[in-house]
Amino acid sequence: MNKSCIFLTVLVALPLFAHPPKGLEMTYDYESNILSVGIAHSVNDAAKHYIKKVVVELNGKKIIEQIFRKQEDGETQQVMYKVIDGIEGDKMTVTAYCNISGKKKADLTITASSSDEASE
């Protein structure tokens, strides 16, 4: 088998072993302005297959982008951000990206209640 066939085989097979984040749960505490995000992404090796980036948007404008070089553990990536610019009625969107393939997105509308929650 020549090198180009081997490369093509690996390139085609790689997405079969990768997968996007399975779930994304967000909560926003209006009193403390803290956005908490839990990203479900089960992997065998959190140093090789992981959540590489999290992007937070407020009303469609990117306000946070965090890059990772590994995942917290083999099941999830947890992040917390202080978002002081949000007011009641604003829409927050979080997108989590796998380093190999895929992404997961969830939205949350800010309300003045003590804690708001969204999951996708």
N, C-alpha and C. Protein backbone atom coordinates (compact mmCIF):
# COMPACT_ATOMS: atom_id res chain seq x y z
N MET A 1 0.85 -1.17 0.00
CA MET A 1 0.00 0.00 0.00
C MET A 1 0.90 1.24 0.00
N ASN A 2 0.63 2.17 -0.87
CA ASN A 2 1.49 3.35 -0.92
C ASN A 2 1.08 4.36 0.15
N LYS A 3 1.92 5.37 0.34
CA LYS A 3 1.71 6.36 1.41
C LYS A 3 0.42 7.14 1.23
N SER A 4 0.05 7.46 0.00
CA SER A 4 -1.17 8.24 -0.20
C SER A 4 -2.41 7.43 0.17
N CYS A 5 -2.41 6.12 -0.06
CA CYS A 5 -3.55 5.28 0.34
C CYS A 5 -3.66 5.21 1.86
N ILE A 6 -2.54 5.09 2.54
CA ILE A 6 -2.54 5.04 4.00
C ILE A 6 -3.06 6.36 4.56
N PHE A 7 -2.57 7.47 4.02
CA PHE A 7 -3.02 8.79 4.46
C PHE A 7 -4.52 8.96 4.25
N LEU A 8 -5.01 8.57 3.09
CA LEU A 8 -6.43 8.68 2.78
C LEU A 8 -7.27 7.82 3.71
N THR A 9 -6.81 6.63 4.01
CA THR A 9 -7.52 5.73 4.93
C THR A 9 -7.62 6.35 6.32
N VAL A 10 -6.51 6.90 6.81
CA VAL A 10 -6.50 7.54 8.13
C VAL A 10 -7.41 8.76 8.13
N LEU A 11 -7.35 9.55 7.08
CA LEU A 11 -8.16 10.76 6.98
C LEU A 11 -9.66 10.44 6.99
N VAL A 12 -10.05 9.39 6.31
CA VAL A 12 -11.45 8.98 6.26
C VAL A 12 -11.89 8.36 7.58
N ALA A 13 -11.01 7.60 8.24
CA ALA A 13 -11.37 6.89 9.47
C ALA A 13 -11.38 7.80 10.69
N LEU A 14 -10.62 8.89 10.69
CA LEU A 14 -10.51 9.75 11.86
C LEU A 14 -11.85 10.23 12.39
N PRO A 15 -12.76 10.74 11.56
CA PRO A 15 -14.06 11.18 12.09
C PRO A 15 -14.87 10.06 12.74
N LEU A 16 -14.59 8.80 12.39
CA LEU A 16 -15.32 7.69 13.00
C LEU A 16 -14.99 7.55 14.48
N PHE A 17 -13.79 7.98 14.88
CA PHE A 17 -13.36 7.86 16.27
C PHE A 17 -13.63 9.14 17.06
N ALA A 18 -13.92 10.22 16.39
CA ALA A 18 -14.19 11.49 17.04
C ALA A 18 -15.70 11.72 17.10
N HIS A 19 -16.08 12.59 18.00
CA HIS A 19 -17.49 12.93 18.13
C HIS A 19 -17.61 14.32 18.75
N PRO A 20 -18.68 15.01 18.44
CA PRO A 20 -18.89 16.33 19.04
C PRO A 20 -19.29 16.19 20.50
N PRO A 21 -19.27 17.28 21.25
CA PRO A 21 -19.77 17.22 22.62
C PRO A 21 -21.20 16.70 22.62
N LYS A 22 -21.52 15.88 23.61
CA LYS A 22 -22.85 15.26 23.66
C LYS A 22 -23.90 16.19 24.25
N GLY A 23 -23.52 16.96 25.23
CA GLY A 23 -24.49 17.84 25.87
C GLY A 23 -23.82 19.09 26.40
N LEU A 24 -24.64 20.12 26.61
CA LEU A 24 -24.13 21.38 27.12
C LEU A 24 -25.19 21.97 28.05
N GLU A 25 -24.84 22.13 29.31
CA GLU A 25 -25.77 22.69 30.29
C GLU A 25 -25.24 24.03 30.78
N MET A 26 -26.11 25.03 30.80
CA MET A 26 -25.73 26.37 31.23
C MET A 26 -26.63 26.84 32.36
N THR A 27 -26.04 27.51 33.33
CA THR A 27 -26.82 28.21 34.34
C THR A 27 -26.22 29.61 34.49
N TYR A 28 -27.08 30.56 34.76
CA TYR A 28 -26.62 31.93 34.97
C TYR A 28 -27.23 32.45 36.26
N ASP A 29 -26.37 32.86 37.19
CA ASP A 29 -26.83 33.43 38.45
C ASP A 29 -26.86 34.95 38.29
N TYR A 30 -28.05 35.51 38.27
CA TYR A 30 -28.24 36.94 38.01
C TYR A 30 -27.61 37.81 39.09
N GLU A 31 -27.66 37.34 40.34
CA GLU A 31 -27.11 38.12 41.46
C GLU A 31 -25.59 38.24 41.40
N SER A 32 -24.92 37.15 41.07
CA SER A 32 -23.45 37.15 41.05
C SER A 32 -22.87 37.35 39.65
N ASN A 33 -23.75 37.34 38.64
CA ASN A 33 -23.32 37.47 37.22
C ASN A 33 -22.41 36.32 36.78
N ILE A 34 -22.60 35.14 37.34
CA ILE A 34 -21.75 34.00 37.01
C ILE A 34 -22.48 33.06 36.06
N LEU A 35 -21.85 32.80 34.93
CA LEU A 35 -22.31 31.82 33.95
C LEU A 35 -21.53 30.53 34.20
N SER A 36 -22.22 29.45 34.48
CA SER A 36 -21.59 28.13 34.68
C SER A 36 -21.99 27.24 33.52
N VAL A 37 -21.02 26.54 32.96
CA VAL A 37 -21.26 25.69 31.81
C VAL A 37 -20.66 24.31 32.07
N GLY A 38 -21.44 23.28 31.84
CA GLY A 38 -20.98 21.90 31.89
C GLY A 38 -21.11 21.28 30.51
N ILE A 39 -20.01 20.77 29.99
CA ILE A 39 -20.00 20.21 28.64
C ILE A 39 -19.74 18.71 28.74
N ALA A 40 -20.71 17.90 28.34
CA ALA A 40 -20.56 16.44 28.36
C ALA A 40 -19.82 16.01 27.10
N HIS A 41 -18.67 15.35 27.29
CA HIS A 41 -17.84 14.91 26.16
C HIS A 41 -16.99 13.74 26.64
N SER A 42 -17.52 12.53 26.52
CA SER A 42 -16.82 11.33 26.98
C SER A 42 -15.70 10.96 26.02
N VAL A 43 -14.50 10.81 26.58
CA VAL A 43 -13.33 10.48 25.77
C VAL A 43 -12.46 9.46 26.51
N ASN A 44 -11.65 8.72 25.75
CA ASN A 44 -10.73 7.76 26.36
C ASN A 44 -9.47 8.44 26.90
N ASP A 45 -8.99 9.46 26.20
CA ASP A 45 -7.76 10.15 26.59
C ASP A 45 -8.00 11.65 26.50
N ALA A 46 -8.22 12.29 27.65
CA ALA A 46 -8.57 13.71 27.71
C ALA A 46 -7.44 14.63 27.28
N ALA A 47 -6.25 14.08 27.07
CA ALA A 47 -5.13 14.89 26.58
C ALA A 47 -5.04 14.87 25.05
N LYS A 48 -5.70 13.90 24.42
CA LYS A 48 -5.65 13.78 22.96
C LYS A 48 -6.97 14.12 22.28
N HIS A 49 -8.07 13.88 22.95
CA HIS A 49 -9.42 14.14 22.41
C HIS A 49 -10.14 14.95 23.48
N TYR A 50 -10.44 16.20 23.18
CA TYR A 50 -10.90 17.10 24.24
C TYR A 50 -11.71 18.27 23.68
N ILE A 51 -12.31 19.01 24.60
CA ILE A 51 -12.96 20.27 24.24
C ILE A 51 -11.82 21.28 24.05
N LYS A 52 -11.67 21.77 22.82
CA LYS A 52 -10.54 22.67 22.54
C LYS A 52 -10.89 24.15 22.71
N LYS A 53 -12.19 24.49 22.59
CA LYS A 53 -12.54 25.90 22.65
C LYS A 53 -13.97 26.07 23.13
N VAL A 54 -14.19 27.12 23.91
CA VAL A 54 -15.52 27.53 24.33
C VAL A 54 -15.68 29.00 23.96
N VAL A 55 -16.78 29.30 23.27
CA VAL A 55 -17.09 30.67 22.88
C VAL A 55 -18.41 31.07 23.51
N VAL A 56 -18.43 32.26 24.14
CA VAL A 56 -19.64 32.81 24.75
C VAL A 56 -20.02 34.06 23.96
N GLU A 57 -21.29 34.11 23.56
CA GLU A 57 -21.81 35.29 22.86
C GLU A 57 -22.93 35.90 23.70
N LEU A 58 -23.01 37.20 23.66
CA LEU A 58 -24.09 37.93 24.31
C LEU A 58 -24.80 38.73 23.23
N ASN A 59 -26.06 38.36 22.97
CA ASN A 59 -26.85 38.98 21.91
C ASN A 59 -26.14 38.93 20.56
N GLY A 60 -25.51 37.79 20.27
CA GLY A 60 -24.86 37.58 18.98
C GLY A 60 -23.46 38.13 18.85
N LYS A 61 -22.94 38.77 19.90
CA LYS A 61 -21.58 39.33 19.85
C LYS A 61 -20.66 38.51 20.76
N LYS A 62 -19.53 38.06 20.20
CA LYS A 62 -18.59 37.25 20.98
C LYS A 62 -17.99 38.10 22.09
N ILE A 63 -18.11 37.60 23.34
CA ILE A 63 -17.54 38.31 24.49
C ILE A 63 -16.45 37.51 25.18
N ILE A 64 -16.43 36.19 24.97
CA ILE A 64 -15.41 35.33 25.59
C ILE A 64 -15.03 34.24 24.61
N GLU A 65 -13.74 33.96 24.53
CA GLU A 65 -13.25 32.79 23.79
C GLU A 65 -12.11 32.21 24.60
N GLN A 66 -12.27 30.96 25.03
CA GLN A 66 -11.24 30.30 25.81
C GLN A 66 -10.77 29.06 25.07
N ILE A 67 -9.44 28.90 25.00
CA ILE A 67 -8.81 27.77 24.32
C ILE A 67 -8.24 26.81 25.37
N PHE A 68 -8.41 25.51 25.12
CA PHE A 68 -7.89 24.48 26.03
C PHE A 68 -6.90 23.58 25.30
N ARG A 69 -5.96 23.00 26.04
CA ARG A 69 -5.02 22.03 25.47
C ARG A 69 -5.32 20.61 25.95
N LYS A 70 -6.28 20.47 26.85
CA LYS A 70 -6.75 19.17 27.31
C LYS A 70 -8.07 19.37 28.01
N GLN A 71 -8.76 18.27 28.23
CA GLN A 71 -10.06 18.31 28.90
C GLN A 71 -9.88 18.02 30.37
N GLU A 72 -10.73 18.58 31.18
CA GLU A 72 -10.66 18.42 32.64
C GLU A 72 -10.59 16.96 33.08
N ASP A 73 -11.45 16.13 32.50
CA ASP A 73 -11.43 14.69 32.78
C ASP A 73 -12.03 13.96 31.59
N GLY A 74 -12.23 12.67 31.70
CA GLY A 74 -12.71 11.87 30.59
C GLY A 74 -14.19 11.98 30.29
N GLU A 75 -14.91 12.76 31.07
CA GLU A 75 -16.36 12.88 30.90
C GLU A 75 -16.85 14.29 30.58
N THR A 76 -16.28 15.30 31.24
CA THR A 76 -16.80 16.66 31.10
C THR A 76 -15.71 17.72 31.09
N GLN A 77 -16.12 18.89 30.64
CA GLN A 77 -15.32 20.11 30.78
C GLN A 77 -16.23 21.12 31.46
N GLN A 78 -15.80 21.66 32.57
CA GLN A 78 -16.58 22.65 33.32
C GLN A 78 -15.90 24.01 33.21
N VAL A 79 -16.69 25.05 32.99
CA VAL A 79 -16.15 26.42 32.95
C VAL A 79 -17.10 27.37 33.66
N MET A 80 -16.55 28.45 34.18
CA MET A 80 -17.34 29.50 34.82
C MET A 80 -16.79 30.84 34.37
N TYR A 81 -17.72 31.77 34.07
CA TYR A 81 -17.32 33.09 33.62
C TYR A 81 -18.16 34.15 34.34
N LYS A 82 -17.55 35.26 34.65
CA LYS A 82 -18.28 36.41 35.19
C LYS A 82 -18.68 37.27 33.99
N VAL A 83 -20.00 37.39 33.79
CA VAL A 83 -20.54 38.15 32.65
C VAL A 83 -21.31 39.33 33.23
N ILE A 84 -20.65 40.47 33.34
CA ILE A 84 -21.26 41.63 34.00
C ILE A 84 -22.11 42.48 33.06
N ASP A 85 -21.99 42.25 31.75
CA ASP A 85 -22.70 43.08 30.78
C ASP A 85 -24.13 42.64 30.51
N GLY A 86 -24.52 41.46 30.98
CA GLY A 86 -25.85 40.94 30.68
C GLY A 86 -26.93 41.58 31.51
N ILE A 87 -28.06 41.86 30.86
CA ILE A 87 -29.23 42.36 31.57
C ILE A 87 -30.42 41.48 31.24
N GLU A 88 -31.47 41.63 31.99
CA GLU A 88 -32.66 40.81 31.79
C GLU A 88 -33.15 40.91 30.34
N GLY A 89 -33.41 39.74 29.76
CA GLY A 89 -33.87 39.67 28.38
C GLY A 89 -32.76 39.41 27.37
N ASP A 90 -31.51 39.60 27.76
CA ASP A 90 -30.39 39.32 26.85
C ASP A 90 -30.28 37.83 26.60
N LYS A 91 -29.76 37.48 25.43
CA LYS A 91 -29.57 36.08 25.05
C LYS A 91 -28.08 35.74 25.07
N MET A 92 -27.74 34.70 25.84
CA MET A 92 -26.37 34.19 25.86
C MET A 92 -26.33 32.89 25.07
N THR A 93 -25.30 32.74 24.25
CA THR A 93 -25.08 31.53 23.48
C THR A 93 -23.69 31.01 23.81
N VAL A 94 -23.60 29.72 24.10
CA VAL A 94 -22.31 29.08 24.34
C VAL A 94 -22.13 28.00 23.29
N THR A 95 -20.94 27.98 22.68
CA THR A 95 -20.58 26.94 21.71
C THR A 95 -19.31 26.27 22.19
N ALA A 96 -19.34 24.94 22.28
CA ALA A 96 -18.18 24.14 22.68
C ALA A 96 -17.71 23.35 21.47
N TYR A 97 -16.40 23.39 21.20
CA TYR A 97 -15.80 22.75 20.03
C TYR A 97 -14.90 21.59 20.45
N CYS A 98 -15.06 20.45 19.81
CA CYS A 98 -14.17 19.30 19.99
C CYS A 98 -12.90 19.57 19.17
N ASN A 99 -11.74 19.13 19.66
CA ASN A 99 -10.49 19.36 18.94
C ASN A 99 -10.38 18.51 17.67
N ILE A 100 -11.19 17.47 17.55
CA ILE A 100 -11.11 16.60 16.37
C ILE A 100 -12.27 16.86 15.42
N SER A 101 -13.48 16.89 15.95
CA SER A 101 -14.63 17.05 15.06
C SER A 101 -15.87 17.44 15.83
N GLY A 102 -16.57 18.45 15.34
CA GLY A 102 -17.89 18.78 15.85
C GLY A 102 -17.93 19.85 16.91
N LYS A 103 -19.15 20.32 17.16
CA LYS A 103 -19.40 21.34 18.16
C LYS A 103 -20.81 21.17 18.70
N LYS A 104 -21.08 21.83 19.83
CA LYS A 104 -22.39 21.83 20.45
C LYS A 104 -22.70 23.24 20.90
N LYS A 105 -23.95 23.67 20.70
CA LYS A 105 -24.36 25.04 21.01
C LYS A 105 -25.62 25.01 21.86
N ALA A 106 -25.71 25.96 22.80
CA ALA A 106 -26.92 26.12 23.62
C ALA A 106 -27.14 27.60 23.88
N ASP A 107 -28.41 27.97 24.07
CA ASP A 107 -28.80 29.35 24.33
C ASP A 107 -29.48 29.46 25.68
N LEU A 108 -29.39 30.65 26.27
CA LEU A 108 -30.04 30.95 27.53
C LEU A 108 -30.46 32.41 27.52
N THR A 109 -31.67 32.69 27.95
CA THR A 109 -32.14 34.07 28.07
C THR A 109 -32.05 34.48 29.53
N ILE A 110 -31.41 35.62 29.77
CA ILE A 110 -31.21 36.10 31.14
C ILE A 110 -32.52 36.62 31.71
N THR A 111 -32.83 36.15 32.92
CA THR A 111 -33.97 36.68 33.67
C THR A 111 -33.47 37.07 35.05
N ALA A 112 -34.26 37.86 35.76
CA ALA A 112 -33.86 38.36 37.07
C ALA A 112 -34.05 37.34 38.18
N SER A 113 -34.57 36.15 37.85
CA SER A 113 -34.73 35.14 38.89
C SER A 113 -33.35 34.74 39.40
N SER A 114 -33.31 34.07 40.53
CA SER A 114 -32.04 33.78 41.17
C SER A 114 -31.13 32.89 40.32
N SER A 115 -31.70 32.02 39.49
CA SER A 115 -30.86 31.15 38.66
C SER A 115 -31.65 30.73 37.43
N ASP A 116 -31.03 30.89 36.28
CA ASP A 116 -31.64 30.47 35.02
C ASP A 116 -30.87 29.28 34.51
N GLU A 117 -31.53 28.39 33.78
CA GLU A 117 -30.86 27.18 33.32
C GLU A 117 -31.31 26.86 31.89
N ALA A 118 -30.36 26.39 31.11
CA ALA A 118 -30.64 25.91 29.75
C ALA A 118 -29.74 24.73 29.49
N SER A 119 -30.22 23.81 28.67
CA SER A 119 -29.37 22.69 28.26
C SER A 119 -29.76 22.29 26.86
N GLU A 120 -28.81 21.66 26.23
CA GLU A 120 -29.02 21.20 24.86
C GLU A 120 -28.23 19.94 24.64
